[in-house]
Each structure stands twice: as structure tokens, then as C-alpha cells.
Amino acid sequence: MLRAGLQRSGLAYRELDIWQDPDAAAAVRAAANGNETVPTVNVGSTWMVNPSAAEVLAAVAREAPELLPQAR
């Protein structure tokens, strides 16, 4: 659901496979109390575990508004 919501919004994003990328897995565990919970999203200094697309867009608006589709 998150992926579909972000695609509908037009926000560019990057996905990492935590089962293929040990550094990404470590970052997710640090953000998710030791769990490998996906999706875990990082926007600037904000980490969110299993967020909605609206929560991600709100974080982008706070942390990096220039990345919002209407700002391009």
C-alpha cells in the first residue's frame, strides 16, 4: 500500500532490499527496535516504521520540501 501511495503521489523514492543489503538491514533494525520491519522509511533525520504514504509525504514536506512533486 505504501508503494502504491507513493507512486500515485509522484514522489521519487529508492527501495533497498534489507535481505540483500546488510547495511540497510542494520539501519532498519536500529530504527525498528531490533526488528527487520518493512517498510521502514528514512526521510532526512526522520525514521518511520510501517508508515502511510501521507505520513511519508508529511515527513518530506518537513525535512526536504524541495523533493515534493509540486516543488519540482
N, C-alpha and C. Protein backbone atom coordinates (compact mmCIF):
# COMPACT_ATOMS: atom_id res chain seq x y z
N MET A 1 0.81 -1.19 0.00
CA MET A 1 0.00 0.00 0.00
C MET A 1 0.86 1.26 0.00
N LEU A 2 1.95 1.23 0.74
CA LEU A 2 2.82 2.41 0.77
C LEU A 2 3.39 2.68 -0.62
N ARG A 3 3.89 1.65 -1.27
CA ARG A 3 4.47 1.82 -2.60
C ARG A 3 3.45 2.44 -3.55
N ALA A 4 2.23 1.91 -3.55
CA ALA A 4 1.19 2.42 -4.45
C ALA A 4 0.87 3.89 -4.13
N GLY A 5 0.79 4.22 -2.86
CA GLY A 5 0.51 5.60 -2.47
C GLY A 5 1.60 6.55 -2.89
N LEU A 6 2.85 6.13 -2.74
CA LEU A 6 3.96 6.99 -3.15
C LEU A 6 4.01 7.13 -4.67
N GLN A 7 3.71 6.05 -5.38
CA GLN A 7 3.69 6.14 -6.84
C GLN A 7 2.59 7.09 -7.30
N ARG A 8 1.42 7.02 -6.67
CA ARG A 8 0.32 7.94 -7.03
C ARG A 8 0.70 9.39 -6.75
N SER A 9 1.47 9.61 -5.71
CA SER A 9 1.85 10.98 -5.34
C SER A 9 2.86 11.58 -6.31
N GLY A 10 3.60 10.73 -7.01
CA GLY A 10 4.65 11.20 -7.90
C GLY A 10 5.98 11.44 -7.20
N LEU A 11 6.06 11.12 -5.91
CA LEU A 11 7.31 11.31 -5.16
C LEU A 11 8.35 10.28 -5.60
N ALA A 12 9.52 10.74 -5.93
CA ALA A 12 10.62 9.82 -6.26
C ALA A 12 11.14 9.21 -4.96
N TYR A 13 11.42 7.93 -4.98
CA TYR A 13 11.95 7.25 -3.80
C TYR A 13 12.85 6.11 -4.23
N ARG A 14 13.61 5.59 -3.27
CA ARG A 14 14.52 4.49 -3.55
C ARG A 14 14.20 3.36 -2.57
N GLU A 15 14.12 2.15 -3.09
CA GLU A 15 13.88 0.97 -2.26
C GLU A 15 15.18 0.22 -2.06
N LEU A 16 15.38 -0.28 -0.85
CA LEU A 16 16.53 -1.11 -0.54
C LEU A 16 16.03 -2.46 -0.05
N ASP A 17 16.70 -3.52 -0.44
CA ASP A 17 16.34 -4.88 -0.02
C ASP A 17 17.17 -5.24 1.20
N ILE A 18 16.54 -5.25 2.37
CA ILE A 18 17.31 -5.48 3.60
C ILE A 18 17.83 -6.91 3.69
N TRP A 19 17.31 -7.82 2.87
CA TRP A 19 17.80 -9.19 2.90
C TRP A 19 18.99 -9.37 1.96
N GLN A 20 19.26 -8.34 1.16
CA GLN A 20 20.42 -8.36 0.27
C GLN A 20 21.48 -7.32 0.66
N ASP A 21 21.10 -6.36 1.49
CA ASP A 21 21.98 -5.24 1.84
C ASP A 21 22.15 -5.20 3.37
N PRO A 22 23.27 -5.73 3.88
CA PRO A 22 23.47 -5.77 5.34
C PRO A 22 23.45 -4.39 6.00
N ASP A 23 23.94 -3.37 5.33
CA ASP A 23 23.92 -2.02 5.92
C ASP A 23 22.49 -1.51 6.05
N ALA A 24 21.68 -1.77 5.03
CA ALA A 24 20.27 -1.37 5.10
C ALA A 24 19.55 -2.14 6.20
N ALA A 25 19.86 -3.42 6.34
CA ALA A 25 19.24 -4.23 7.39
C ALA A 25 19.60 -3.68 8.77
N ALA A 26 20.84 -3.30 8.95
CA ALA A 26 21.28 -2.75 10.24
C ALA A 26 20.56 -1.44 10.54
N ALA A 27 20.38 -0.61 9.54
CA ALA A 27 19.69 0.67 9.73
C ALA A 27 18.23 0.43 10.11
N VAL A 28 17.59 -0.53 9.46
CA VAL A 28 16.20 -0.84 9.78
C VAL A 28 16.09 -1.38 11.20
N ARG A 29 16.98 -2.28 11.58
CA ARG A 29 16.95 -2.81 12.95
C ARG A 29 17.14 -1.70 13.98
N ALA A 30 18.02 -0.75 13.68
CA ALA A 30 18.24 0.37 14.60
C ALA A 30 16.98 1.23 14.74
N ALA A 31 16.26 1.40 13.65
CA ALA A 31 15.05 2.24 13.66
C ALA A 31 13.83 1.50 14.21
N ALA A 32 13.85 0.17 14.14
CA ALA A 32 12.66 -0.63 14.47
C ALA A 32 12.86 -1.49 15.71
N ASN A 33 13.61 -0.97 16.67
CA ASN A 33 13.81 -1.68 17.94
C ASN A 33 14.34 -3.10 17.77
N GLY A 34 15.28 -3.27 16.84
CA GLY A 34 15.91 -4.57 16.63
C GLY A 34 15.19 -5.47 15.66
N ASN A 35 14.06 -5.04 15.15
CA ASN A 35 13.27 -5.85 14.22
C ASN A 35 13.59 -5.48 12.78
N GLU A 36 13.37 -6.41 11.89
CA GLU A 36 13.53 -6.15 10.46
C GLU A 36 12.14 -5.93 9.87
N THR A 37 11.54 -4.82 10.26
CA THR A 37 10.19 -4.48 9.85
C THR A 37 10.24 -3.68 8.56
N VAL A 38 9.47 -4.13 7.57
CA VAL A 38 9.37 -3.40 6.32
C VAL A 38 7.90 -3.11 6.05
N PRO A 39 7.59 -1.94 5.52
CA PRO A 39 8.55 -0.92 5.15
C PRO A 39 9.00 -0.08 6.35
N THR A 40 10.25 0.26 6.34
CA THR A 40 10.81 1.26 7.24
C THR A 40 11.36 2.36 6.34
N VAL A 41 10.99 3.59 6.61
CA VAL A 41 11.30 4.70 5.72
C VAL A 41 12.16 5.73 6.44
N ASN A 42 13.16 6.22 5.73
CA ASN A 42 14.02 7.28 6.25
C ASN A 42 13.86 8.51 5.37
N VAL A 43 13.53 9.63 6.01
CA VAL A 43 13.45 10.92 5.33
C VAL A 43 14.26 11.90 6.17
N GLY A 44 15.44 12.25 5.70
CA GLY A 44 16.30 13.14 6.48
C GLY A 44 16.64 12.51 7.81
N SER A 45 16.28 13.17 8.89
CA SER A 45 16.55 12.64 10.23
C SER A 45 15.37 11.86 10.80
N THR A 46 14.32 11.71 10.03
CA THR A 46 13.10 11.03 10.48
C THR A 46 13.08 9.58 10.00
N TRP A 47 12.84 8.66 10.93
CA TRP A 47 12.66 7.24 10.60
C TRP A 47 11.23 6.86 10.96
N MET A 48 10.57 6.13 10.08
CA MET A 48 9.19 5.70 10.30
C MET A 48 9.07 4.22 9.99
N VAL A 49 8.41 3.49 10.88
CA VAL A 49 8.20 2.06 10.70
C VAL A 49 6.75 1.85 10.27
N ASN A 50 6.59 1.23 9.10
CA ASN A 50 5.29 0.93 8.51
C ASN A 50 4.39 2.17 8.42
N PRO A 51 4.90 3.25 7.82
CA PRO A 51 4.10 4.48 7.72
C PRO A 51 3.11 4.43 6.57
N SER A 52 2.16 5.33 6.61
CA SER A 52 1.27 5.52 5.46
C SER A 52 1.97 6.45 4.47
N ALA A 53 1.45 6.50 3.25
CA ALA A 53 2.01 7.42 2.26
C ALA A 53 1.85 8.86 2.75
N ALA A 54 0.73 9.16 3.41
CA ALA A 54 0.50 10.52 3.92
C ALA A 54 1.56 10.89 4.96
N GLU A 55 1.94 9.93 5.81
CA GLU A 55 2.97 10.20 6.82
C GLU A 55 4.32 10.45 6.16
N VAL A 56 4.63 9.69 5.12
CA VAL A 56 5.89 9.90 4.40
C VAL A 56 5.90 11.26 3.73
N LEU A 57 4.81 11.61 3.07
CA LEU A 57 4.74 12.91 2.40
C LEU A 57 4.84 14.06 3.39
N ALA A 58 4.25 13.90 4.57
CA ALA A 58 4.36 14.93 5.60
C ALA A 58 5.80 15.07 6.07
N ALA A 59 6.50 13.95 6.20
CA ALA A 59 7.91 13.99 6.60
C ALA A 59 8.75 14.66 5.53
N VAL A 60 8.47 14.37 4.27
CA VAL A 60 9.21 15.01 3.18
C VAL A 60 8.93 16.52 3.19
N ALA A 61 7.69 16.90 3.43
CA ALA A 61 7.35 18.33 3.49
C ALA A 61 8.14 19.04 4.58
N ARG A 62 8.37 18.37 5.71
CA ARG A 62 9.14 18.96 6.81
C ARG A 62 10.63 18.93 6.55
N GLU A 63 11.14 17.79 6.08
CA GLU A 63 12.58 17.54 6.00
C GLU A 63 13.22 17.97 4.68
N ALA A 64 12.47 17.82 3.59
CA ALA A 64 13.03 18.10 2.26
C ALA A 64 11.93 18.52 1.29
N PRO A 65 11.29 19.66 1.54
CA PRO A 65 10.15 20.06 0.72
C PRO A 65 10.47 20.20 -0.76
N GLU A 66 11.72 20.45 -1.07
CA GLU A 66 12.10 20.58 -2.48
C GLU A 66 11.93 19.27 -3.25
N LEU A 67 11.78 18.15 -2.54
CA LEU A 67 11.61 16.86 -3.20
C LEU A 67 10.16 16.53 -3.51
N LEU A 68 9.24 17.33 -2.99
CA LEU A 68 7.83 17.08 -3.28
C LEU A 68 7.56 17.30 -4.76
N PRO A 69 6.70 16.48 -5.36
CA PRO A 69 6.46 16.58 -6.80
C PRO A 69 6.08 17.98 -7.26
N GLN A 70 5.24 18.70 -6.53
CA GLN A 70 4.83 20.05 -6.96
C GLN A 70 5.96 21.06 -6.83
N ALA A 71 7.02 20.72 -6.09
CA ALA A 71 8.15 21.64 -5.92
C ALA A 71 9.14 21.55 -7.07
N ARG A 72 9.01 20.52 -7.90
CA ARG A 72 9.97 20.33 -8.99
C ARG A 72 9.70 21.22 -10.16
